[in-house]
Amino acid sequence: MKKNKKILSMVLVTILMSCSSNKILFPAQLEYRTSAQLVLDAFLPYIQSQGYTVLNLNNTRMTMMGPSGFLTTEYIETEWRPSGYFDEITGNEYLVKQKVWIILDSGVITVESLVGYKDKDEIHTRENAPPDLYSFVNALPEGLRNLVSSKSL
């Protein structure tokens, strides 16, 4: 009986610890079926409506080198945006930056979220985020995913 209680308590502690720990930020992959210009025209106002400032509003076309040659993309980059969440160790506010690549040839969209905090005019980035900040950061990629499906892009 004591052995069962011990095992049960270990399982519960493991579940609680895994739910409260930092989550790794992975790029989100989306697919689209229409033209990249329609996707871009839908994404730009949506990103701005979420409080982000787009750095390259009038200059989004970009050519980049991929594993199989050159790729042409529509690229959207935002400025670092304050999140309202603070680093426990330094007390500095976390900043969030979003980068979106709409690849013209393959119908794939990649959304990369960057998280960091400013310390003495230098931004220190992180690869993971606490659960509340993680939800804030992933709101834009999830919103873009919903936008693609709701507008049949």
C-alpha atoms as a PDB file:
ATOM      1  CA  MET A   1       0.000   0.000   0.000  1.00  0.00           C
ATOM      2  CA  LYS A   2       2.803   2.413   0.897  1.00  0.00           C
ATOM      3  CA  LYS A   3       4.567   1.505  -2.335  1.00  0.00           C
ATOM      4  CA  ASN A   4       1.467   2.413  -4.379  1.00  0.00           C
ATOM      5  CA  LYS A   5       1.166   5.771  -2.590  1.00  0.00           C
ATOM      6  CA  LYS A   6       4.818   6.483  -3.252  1.00  0.00           C
ATOM      7  CA  ILE A   7       4.471   5.688  -6.961  1.00  0.00           C
ATOM      8  CA  LEU A   8       1.283   7.738  -7.240  1.00  0.00           C
ATOM      9  CA  SER A   9       2.890  10.740  -5.541  1.00  0.00           C
ATOM     10  CA  MET A  10       5.933  10.512  -7.849  1.00  0.00           C
ATOM     11  CA  VAL A  11       3.660  10.468 -10.903  1.00  0.00           C
ATOM     12  CA  LEU A  12       1.706  13.495  -9.653  1.00  0.00           C
ATOM     13  CA  VAL A  13       4.871  15.459  -8.892  1.00  0.00           C
ATOM     14  CA  THR A  14       6.244  14.647 -12.352  1.00  0.00           C
ATOM     15  CA  ILE A  15       3.042  15.841 -14.029  1.00  0.00           C
ATOM     16  CA  LEU A  16       2.977  19.065 -12.014  1.00  0.00           C
ATOM     17  CA  MET A  17       6.627  19.823 -12.718  1.00  0.00           C
ATOM     18  CA  SER A  18       6.283  19.204 -16.449  1.00  0.00           C
ATOM     19  CA  CYS A  19       3.277  21.529 -16.699  1.00  0.00           C
ATOM     20  CA  SER A  20       4.957  24.423 -14.924  1.00  0.00           C
ATOM     21  CA  SER A  21       8.385  24.366 -16.573  1.00  0.00           C
ATOM     22  CA  ASN A  22       9.621  26.548 -19.433  1.00  0.00           C
ATOM     23  CA  LYS A  23       8.588  25.589 -22.944  1.00  0.00           C
ATOM     24  CA  ILE A  24      10.925  25.578 -25.934  1.00  0.00           C
ATOM     25  CA  LEU A  25      10.027  27.958 -28.770  1.00  0.00           C
ATOM     26  CA  PHE A  26       9.894  26.150 -32.109  1.00  0.00           C
ATOM     27  CA  PRO A  27       9.104  27.814 -35.451  1.00  0.00           C
ATOM     28  CA  ALA A  28       5.522  27.224 -36.596  1.00  0.00           C
ATOM     29  CA  GLN A  29       4.919  25.750 -40.056  1.00  0.00           C
ATOM     30  CA  LEU A  30       1.722  26.582 -41.962  1.00  0.00           C
ATOM     31  CA  GLU A  31       0.529  25.714 -45.463  1.00  0.00           C
ATOM     32  CA  TYR A  32      -1.351  27.923 -47.902  1.00  0.00           C
ATOM     33  CA  ARG A  33      -3.092  27.192 -51.218  1.00  0.00           C
ATOM     34  CA  THR A  34      -3.660  30.636 -52.749  1.00  0.00           C
ATOM     35  CA  SER A  35      -1.189  33.211 -53.987  1.00  0.00           C
ATOM     36  CA  ALA A  36       1.497  34.510 -51.666  1.00  0.00           C
ATOM     37  CA  GLN A  37       0.305  38.069 -52.326  1.00  0.00           C
ATOM     38  CA  LEU A  38      -3.166  37.272 -50.926  1.00  0.00           C
ATOM     39  CA  VAL A  39      -1.570  35.724 -47.842  1.00  0.00           C
ATOM     40  CA  LEU A  40       0.698  38.754 -47.416  1.00  0.00           C
ATOM     41  CA  ASP A  41      -2.252  41.140 -47.824  1.00  0.00           C
ATOM     42  CA  ALA A  42      -4.147  39.259 -45.089  1.00  0.00           C
ATOM     43  CA  PHE A  43      -1.169  38.862 -42.739  1.00  0.00           C
ATOM     44  CA  LEU A  44       0.106  42.458 -42.639  1.00  0.00           C
ATOM     45  CA  PRO A  45      -3.035  44.065 -41.147  1.00  0.00           C
ATOM     46  CA  TYR A  46      -3.537  41.111 -38.796  1.00  0.00           C
ATOM     47  CA  ILE A  47       0.016  41.341 -37.431  1.00  0.00           C
ATOM     48  CA  GLN A  48      -0.381  45.093 -36.929  1.00  0.00           C
ATOM     49  CA  SER A  49      -3.739  44.586 -35.188  1.00  0.00           C
ATOM     50  CA  GLN A  50      -1.960  42.380 -32.636  1.00  0.00           C
ATOM     51  CA  GLY A  51       0.210  45.317 -31.523  1.00  0.00           C
ATOM     52  CA  TYR A  52       3.320  44.538 -33.569  1.00  0.00           C
ATOM     53  CA  THR A  53       5.096  47.145 -35.711  1.00  0.00           C
ATOM     54  CA  VAL A  54       6.179  45.757 -39.088  1.00  0.00           C
ATOM     55  CA  LEU A  55       9.681  46.900 -40.045  1.00  0.00           C
ATOM     56  CA  ASN A  56       9.521  46.185 -43.773  1.00  0.00           C
ATOM     57  CA  LEU A  57       5.962  47.101 -44.798  1.00  0.00           C
ATOM     58  CA  ASN A  58       6.829  48.146 -48.366  1.00  0.00           C
ATOM     59  CA  ASN A  59       9.780  45.844 -48.992  1.00  0.00           C
ATOM     60  CA  THR A  60       8.831  42.235 -48.272  1.00  0.00           C
ATOM     61  CA  ARG A  61      10.256  40.351 -51.271  1.00  0.00           C
ATOM     62  CA  MET A  62      13.429  38.443 -50.450  1.00  0.00           C
ATOM     63  CA  THR A  63      15.599  35.819 -52.146  1.00  0.00           C
ATOM     64  CA  MET A  64      17.440  33.403 -49.900  1.00  0.00           C
ATOM     65  CA  MET A  65      19.635  30.359 -50.328  1.00  0.00           C
ATOM     66  CA  GLY A  66      18.063  27.026 -49.392  1.00  0.00           C
ATOM     67  CA  PRO A  67      19.345  23.441 -49.505  1.00  0.00           C
ATOM     68  CA  SER A  68      18.070  22.987 -53.062  1.00  0.00           C
ATOM     69  CA  GLY A  69      18.974  26.412 -54.434  1.00  0.00           C
ATOM     70  CA  PHE A  70      17.502  29.885 -54.246  1.00  0.00           C
ATOM     71  CA  LEU A  71      14.037  30.516 -52.766  1.00  0.00           C
ATOM     72  CA  THR A  72      11.888  33.572 -53.278  1.00  0.00           C
ATOM     73  CA  THR A  73       9.884  34.571 -50.225  1.00  0.00           C
ATOM     74  CA  GLU A  74       7.705  37.296 -48.837  1.00  0.00           C
ATOM     75  CA  TYR A  75       9.374  38.183 -45.540  1.00  0.00           C
ATOM     76  CA  ILE A  76       7.757  40.067 -42.661  1.00  0.00           C
ATOM     77  CA  GLU A  77       9.769  41.176 -39.630  1.00  0.00           C
ATOM     78  CA  THR A  78       8.460  43.015 -36.583  1.00  0.00           C
ATOM     79  CA  GLU A  79      10.183  45.260 -34.090  1.00  0.00           C
ATOM     80  CA  TRP A  80      10.826  44.002 -30.570  1.00  0.00           C
ATOM     81  CA  ARG A  81       7.548  44.396 -28.679  1.00  0.00           C
ATOM     82  CA  PRO A  82       7.192  44.626 -24.875  1.00  0.00           C
ATOM     83  CA  SER A  83       5.237  41.657 -23.545  1.00  0.00           C
ATOM     84  CA  GLY A  84       4.233  42.703 -20.036  1.00  0.00           C
ATOM     85  CA  TYR A  85       6.069  39.670 -18.585  1.00  0.00           C
ATOM     86  CA  PHE A  86       9.316  39.996 -16.647  1.00  0.00           C
ATOM     87  CA  ASP A  87      12.414  37.848 -16.211  1.00  0.00           C
ATOM     88  CA  GLU A  88      12.556  36.472 -12.667  1.00  0.00           C
ATOM     89  CA  ILE A  89      16.320  36.804 -12.322  1.00  0.00           C
ATOM     90  CA  THR A  90      17.002  40.238 -13.824  1.00  0.00           C
ATOM     91  CA  GLY A  91      13.557  41.831 -13.447  1.00  0.00           C
ATOM     92  CA  ASN A  92      13.751  43.058 -17.058  1.00  0.00           C
ATOM     93  CA  GLU A  93      10.679  42.944 -19.280  1.00  0.00           C
ATOM     94  CA  TYR A  94      10.607  40.287 -21.978  1.00  0.00           C
ATOM     95  CA  LEU A  95      10.502  41.520 -25.563  1.00  0.00           C
ATOM     96  CA  VAL A  96       9.000  39.559 -28.462  1.00  0.00           C
ATOM     97  CA  LYS A  97       9.900  39.698 -32.155  1.00  0.00           C
ATOM     98  CA  GLN A  98       8.136  37.779 -34.934  1.00  0.00           C
ATOM     99  CA  LYS A  99       9.575  36.775 -38.309  1.00  0.00           C
ATOM    100  CA  VAL A 100       7.359  35.345 -41.067  1.00  0.00           C
ATOM    101  CA  TRP A 101       8.538  33.737 -44.305  1.00  0.00           C
ATOM    102  CA  ILE A 102       5.917  33.056 -46.992  1.00  0.00           C
ATOM    103  CA  ILE A 103       7.752  30.829 -49.465  1.00  0.00           C
ATOM    104  CA  LEU A 104       6.395  31.454 -52.963  1.00  0.00           C
ATOM    105  CA  ASP A 105       7.281  28.153 -54.637  1.00  0.00           C
ATOM    106  CA  SER A 106       6.253  25.622 -52.002  1.00  0.00           C
ATOM    107  CA  GLY A 107       3.128  27.018 -50.341  1.00  0.00           C
ATOM    108  CA  VAL A 108       4.762  26.907 -46.896  1.00  0.00           C
ATOM    109  CA  ILE A 109       4.772  29.630 -44.247  1.00  0.00           C
ATOM    110  CA  THR A 110       7.274  29.665 -41.384  1.00  0.00           C
ATOM    111  CA  VAL A 111       6.704  31.815 -38.309  1.00  0.00           C
ATOM    112  CA  GLU A 112       9.684  32.234 -35.989  1.00  0.00           C
ATOM    113  CA  SER A 113       9.143  33.830 -32.588  1.00  0.00           C
ATOM    114  CA  LEU A 114      12.086  35.384 -30.752  1.00  0.00           C
ATOM    115  CA  VAL A 115      12.051  36.182 -27.037  1.00  0.00           C
ATOM    116  CA  GLY A 116      14.591  38.212 -25.132  1.00  0.00           C
ATOM    117  CA  TYR A 117      15.103  41.029 -22.678  1.00  0.00           C
ATOM    118  CA  LYS A 118      17.071  44.245 -22.917  1.00  0.00           C
ATOM    119  CA  ASP A 119      19.986  44.740 -20.562  1.00  0.00           C
ATOM    120  CA  LYS A 120      22.245  47.787 -21.013  1.00  0.00           C
ATOM    121  CA  ASP A 121      21.269  48.402 -24.672  1.00  0.00           C
ATOM    122  CA  GLU A 122      21.861  44.739 -25.532  1.00  0.00           C
ATOM    123  CA  ILE A 123      19.111  42.184 -26.169  1.00  0.00           C
ATOM    124  CA  HIS A 124      19.656  38.754 -24.638  1.00  0.00           C
ATOM    125  CA  THR A 125      17.564  36.125 -26.428  1.00  0.00           C
ATOM    126  CA  ARG A 126      16.190  32.889 -25.001  1.00  0.00           C
ATOM    127  CA  GLU A 127      15.173  29.618 -26.625  1.00  0.00           C
ATOM    128  CA  ASN A 128      12.440  28.901 -24.097  1.00  0.00           C
ATOM    129  CA  ALA A 129       9.741  30.795 -22.247  1.00  0.00           C
ATOM    130  CA  PRO A 130       7.712  30.477 -19.051  1.00  0.00           C
ATOM    131  CA  PRO A 131       4.138  29.192 -19.638  1.00  0.00           C
ATOM    132  CA  ASP A 132       2.415  32.624 -19.506  1.00  0.00           C
ATOM    133  CA  LEU A 133       4.946  34.216 -21.852  1.00  0.00           C
ATOM    134  CA  TYR A 134       4.803  31.153 -24.112  1.00  0.00           C
ATOM    135  CA  SER A 135       1.043  31.672 -24.534  1.00  0.00           C
ATOM    136  CA  PHE A 136       1.620  35.351 -25.361  1.00  0.00           C
ATOM    137  CA  VAL A 137       4.336  34.529 -27.910  1.00  0.00           C
ATOM    138  CA  ASN A 138       2.338  31.761 -29.607  1.00  0.00           C
ATOM    139  CA  ALA A 139      -0.793  33.900 -29.923  1.00  0.00           C
ATOM    140  CA  LEU A 140       0.428  35.365 -33.232  1.00  0.00           C
ATOM    141  CA  PRO A 141       1.418  32.072 -34.942  1.00  0.00           C
ATOM    142  CA  GLU A 142      -1.872  30.488 -33.804  1.00  0.00           C
ATOM    143  CA  GLY A 143      -3.802  33.535 -34.995  1.00  0.00           C
ATOM    144  CA  LEU A 144      -2.101  33.322 -38.396  1.00  0.00           C
ATOM    145  CA  ARG A 145      -2.936  29.601 -38.544  1.00  0.00           C
ATOM    146  CA  ASN A 146      -6.597  30.409 -37.846  1.00  0.00           C
ATOM    147  CA  LEU A 147      -6.517  33.216 -40.424  1.00  0.00           C
ATOM    148  CA  VAL A 148      -5.221  30.852 -43.120  1.00  0.00           C
ATOM    149  CA  SER A 149      -7.946  28.289 -42.409  1.00  0.00           C
ATOM    150  CA  SER A 150     -10.833  30.750 -41.911  1.00  0.00           C
ATOM    151  CA  LYS A 151     -10.113  32.713 -45.099  1.00  0.00           C
ATOM    152  CA  SER A 152      -9.173  29.576 -47.080  1.00  0.00           C
ATOM    153  CA  LEU A 153      -5.797  31.041 -47.953  1.00  0.00           C
END
